[in-house]
């Protein structure tokens, strides 16, 4: 069977179009532009942090709030201090902006987090005097004190926790 020149050109163009279409269909999706932190390396390898950072943050929260154990390794404050960096104008991005370290991935993945309803979204050095002053007073709202300002002991916290758990 003989094909006309016009039919040959049409078939060639269809073949080329199908190759271009399938090549585009297998292209990688665009990824978020994640700002680089200040440090040489993170507290865990990057793939581990990308997959398990929330587990570390929740574990840190539990140890801090329920057991009174305070460390910096997985502290949200330390993450922000390292990973939220100023732009070329010296301004720190706000949470919600794609330029903010946490928001860059959470916006991309459509994941809503509420950490920054209470926690600062900028490093401590971004605030006057170099320390974030929480609205409740003091530099850390998790350092509990009674009305007279005396620190609350771990035993007091355990007592309150036990009472709270008994009402569940």
Protein backbone atom coordinates (compact mmCIF):
# COMPACT_ATOMS: atom_id res chain seq x y z
CA UNK A 1 0.00 0.00 0.00
CA UNK A 2 1.38 3.33 -1.01
CA UNK A 3 1.01 6.29 1.31
CA UNK A 4 0.70 9.77 0.00
CA UNK A 5 3.21 12.36 1.04
CA UNK A 6 0.58 14.26 3.06
CA UNK A 7 -0.42 11.10 4.97
CA UNK A 8 3.24 10.33 5.73
CA UNK A 9 3.78 13.84 7.14
CA UNK A 10 0.59 13.55 9.22
CA UNK A 11 1.63 10.19 10.67
CA UNK A 12 5.12 11.50 11.42
CA UNK A 13 3.69 14.54 13.24
CA UNK A 14 1.29 12.33 15.23
CA UNK A 15 4.18 10.08 16.21
CA UNK A 16 6.28 13.05 17.29
CA UNK A 17 3.36 14.52 19.24
CA UNK A 18 2.79 11.24 21.06
CA UNK A 19 6.49 11.05 21.99
CA UNK A 20 6.41 14.60 23.36
CA UNK A 21 3.18 13.95 25.26
CA UNK A 22 4.46 10.76 26.92
CA UNK A 23 7.79 12.39 27.76
CA UNK A 24 5.97 15.26 29.48
CA UNK A 25 3.66 12.86 31.30
CA UNK A 26 6.65 11.23 33.01
CA UNK A 27 8.37 14.45 34.04
CA UNK A 28 9.00 15.02 37.72
CA UNK A 29 6.58 17.40 39.46
CA UNK A 30 7.99 20.73 40.63
CA UNK A 31 9.31 20.62 44.19
CA UNK A 32 9.21 23.36 46.84
CA UNK A 33 12.13 25.74 47.10
CA UNK A 34 13.38 25.03 50.63
CA UNK A 35 15.57 27.76 52.16
CA UNK A 36 18.98 26.54 53.40
CA UNK A 37 19.63 26.74 57.14
CA UNK A 38 22.58 28.48 58.79
CA UNK A 39 24.26 25.38 60.21
CA UNK A 40 26.65 22.96 58.56
CA UNK A 41 24.26 20.05 59.08
CA UNK A 42 20.99 19.31 60.84
CA UNK A 43 20.63 17.28 64.05
CA UNK A 44 19.65 14.30 61.84
CA UNK A 45 20.37 13.50 58.18
CA UNK A 46 18.13 15.46 55.77
CA UNK A 47 16.07 12.43 54.57
CA UNK A 48 15.39 11.44 58.20
CA UNK A 49 14.31 14.99 59.12
CA UNK A 50 12.07 15.29 56.07
CA UNK A 51 10.25 12.11 56.95
CA UNK A 52 10.25 12.22 60.79
CA UNK A 53 10.56 15.87 61.89
CA UNK A 54 7.04 15.90 63.31
CA UNK A 55 7.74 12.75 65.34
CA UNK A 56 10.80 14.47 66.84
CA UNK A 57 8.89 17.68 67.60
CA UNK A 58 5.99 15.80 69.22
CA UNK A 59 8.39 13.66 71.27
CA UNK A 60 10.23 16.82 72.39
CA UNK A 61 6.91 18.43 73.33
CA UNK A 62 5.91 15.41 75.42
CA UNK A 63 9.24 15.28 77.23
CA UNK A 64 9.17 19.02 77.89
CA UNK A 65 5.54 19.46 78.89
CA UNK A 66 4.85 16.18 80.69
CA UNK A 67 8.25 15.14 82.01
CA UNK A 68 10.01 18.49 82.49
CA UNK A 69 12.97 17.39 80.35
CA UNK A 70 14.40 20.25 78.32
CA UNK A 71 16.94 19.69 75.56
CA UNK A 72 17.81 21.70 72.47
CA UNK A 73 18.30 18.84 69.99
CA UNK A 74 14.71 18.70 68.68
CA UNK A 75 13.53 22.03 70.09
CA UNK A 76 11.23 24.02 67.78
CA UNK A 77 13.01 27.20 68.92
CA UNK A 78 16.36 25.78 67.81
CA UNK A 79 14.89 24.67 64.46
CA UNK A 80 13.59 28.19 63.86
CA UNK A 81 16.88 29.76 65.05
CA UNK A 82 18.78 27.79 62.40
CA UNK A 83 16.37 27.42 59.52
CA UNK A 84 14.51 30.76 59.29
CA UNK A 85 16.97 33.10 57.63
CA UNK A 86 16.59 36.73 56.54
CA UNK A 87 16.17 37.68 52.89
CA UNK A 88 18.53 40.02 51.02
CA UNK A 89 16.83 43.02 52.70
CA UNK A 90 17.51 41.53 56.15
CA UNK A 91 13.81 40.79 56.76
CA UNK A 92 12.64 37.48 58.18
CA UNK A 93 9.78 35.77 56.34
CA UNK A 94 6.56 35.21 58.27
CA UNK A 95 5.00 31.80 58.65
CA UNK A 96 2.60 31.28 55.76
CA UNK A 97 5.00 32.76 53.21
CA UNK A 98 6.63 30.28 50.82
CA UNK A 99 9.94 31.87 51.84
CA UNK A 100 9.53 30.66 55.45
CA UNK A 101 11.37 27.37 56.01
CA UNK A 102 8.39 25.52 57.51
CA UNK A 103 5.81 27.01 55.14
CA UNK A 104 7.83 26.15 52.03
CA UNK A 105 7.00 22.44 52.44
CA UNK A 106 3.75 22.67 54.39
CA UNK A 107 2.19 24.98 51.76
CA UNK A 108 3.41 22.66 48.99
CA UNK A 109 1.89 19.61 50.69
CA UNK A 110 -1.27 21.47 51.81
CA UNK A 111 -0.55 20.60 55.43
CA UNK A 112 -1.93 22.95 58.08
CA UNK A 113 0.14 23.33 61.25
CA UNK A 114 -0.73 25.48 64.25
CA UNK A 115 2.68 25.71 65.96
CA UNK A 116 2.99 29.43 65.30
CA UNK A 117 -0.24 30.38 66.96
CA UNK A 118 1.84 30.26 70.16
CA UNK A 119 5.47 29.84 69.06
CA UNK A 120 7.59 32.50 67.36
CA UNK A 121 8.04 32.06 63.61
CA UNK A 122 11.37 33.96 63.63
CA UNK A 123 14.70 33.28 65.35
CA UNK A 124 15.31 34.73 68.78
CA UNK A 125 17.85 37.18 67.31
CA UNK A 126 15.07 38.81 65.26
CA UNK A 127 13.52 40.30 68.41
CA UNK A 128 14.60 43.31 70.38
CA UNK A 129 17.18 42.26 72.93
CA UNK A 130 17.73 38.92 71.14
CA UNK A 131 15.05 37.02 73.06
CA UNK A 132 11.43 36.42 72.16
CA UNK A 133 9.22 37.75 74.92
CA UNK A 134 6.06 35.66 75.08
CA UNK A 135 2.73 37.44 75.57
CA UNK A 136 2.32 35.61 78.90
CA UNK A 137 5.54 37.15 80.17
CA UNK A 138 9.09 35.91 80.28
CA UNK A 139 11.11 34.39 77.49
CA UNK A 140 9.54 30.93 77.64
CA UNK A 141 5.86 30.31 78.37
CA UNK A 142 6.66 26.68 79.30
CA UNK A 143 8.70 27.70 82.34
CA UNK A 144 5.82 27.62 84.75
CA UNK A 145 5.63 29.76 87.88
CA UNK A 146 2.97 30.42 90.48
CA UNK A 147 1.32 33.83 90.94
CA UNK A 148 4.18 34.99 93.19
CA UNK A 149 6.71 34.09 90.48
CA UNK A 150 8.16 31.07 92.30
CA UNK A 151 8.99 28.17 89.96
CA UNK A 152 6.58 25.26 90.01
CA UNK A 153 8.32 22.00 90.84
CA UNK A 154 8.24 18.84 88.75
CA UNK A 155 6.26 17.22 91.61
CA UNK A 156 3.61 19.97 91.36
CA UNK A 157 3.36 19.43 87.60
CA UNK A 158 3.02 15.65 88.11
CA UNK A 159 0.28 16.26 90.69
CA UNK A 160 -1.65 18.55 88.33
CA UNK A 161 -1.13 16.07 85.45
CA UNK A 162 -2.41 13.19 87.59
CA UNK A 163 -5.48 15.20 88.58
CA UNK A 164 -6.13 16.14 84.95
CA UNK A 165 -5.81 12.52 83.84
CA UNK A 166 -8.23 11.34 86.52
CA UNK A 167 -10.97 13.52 85.00
CA UNK A 168 -10.71 11.94 81.54
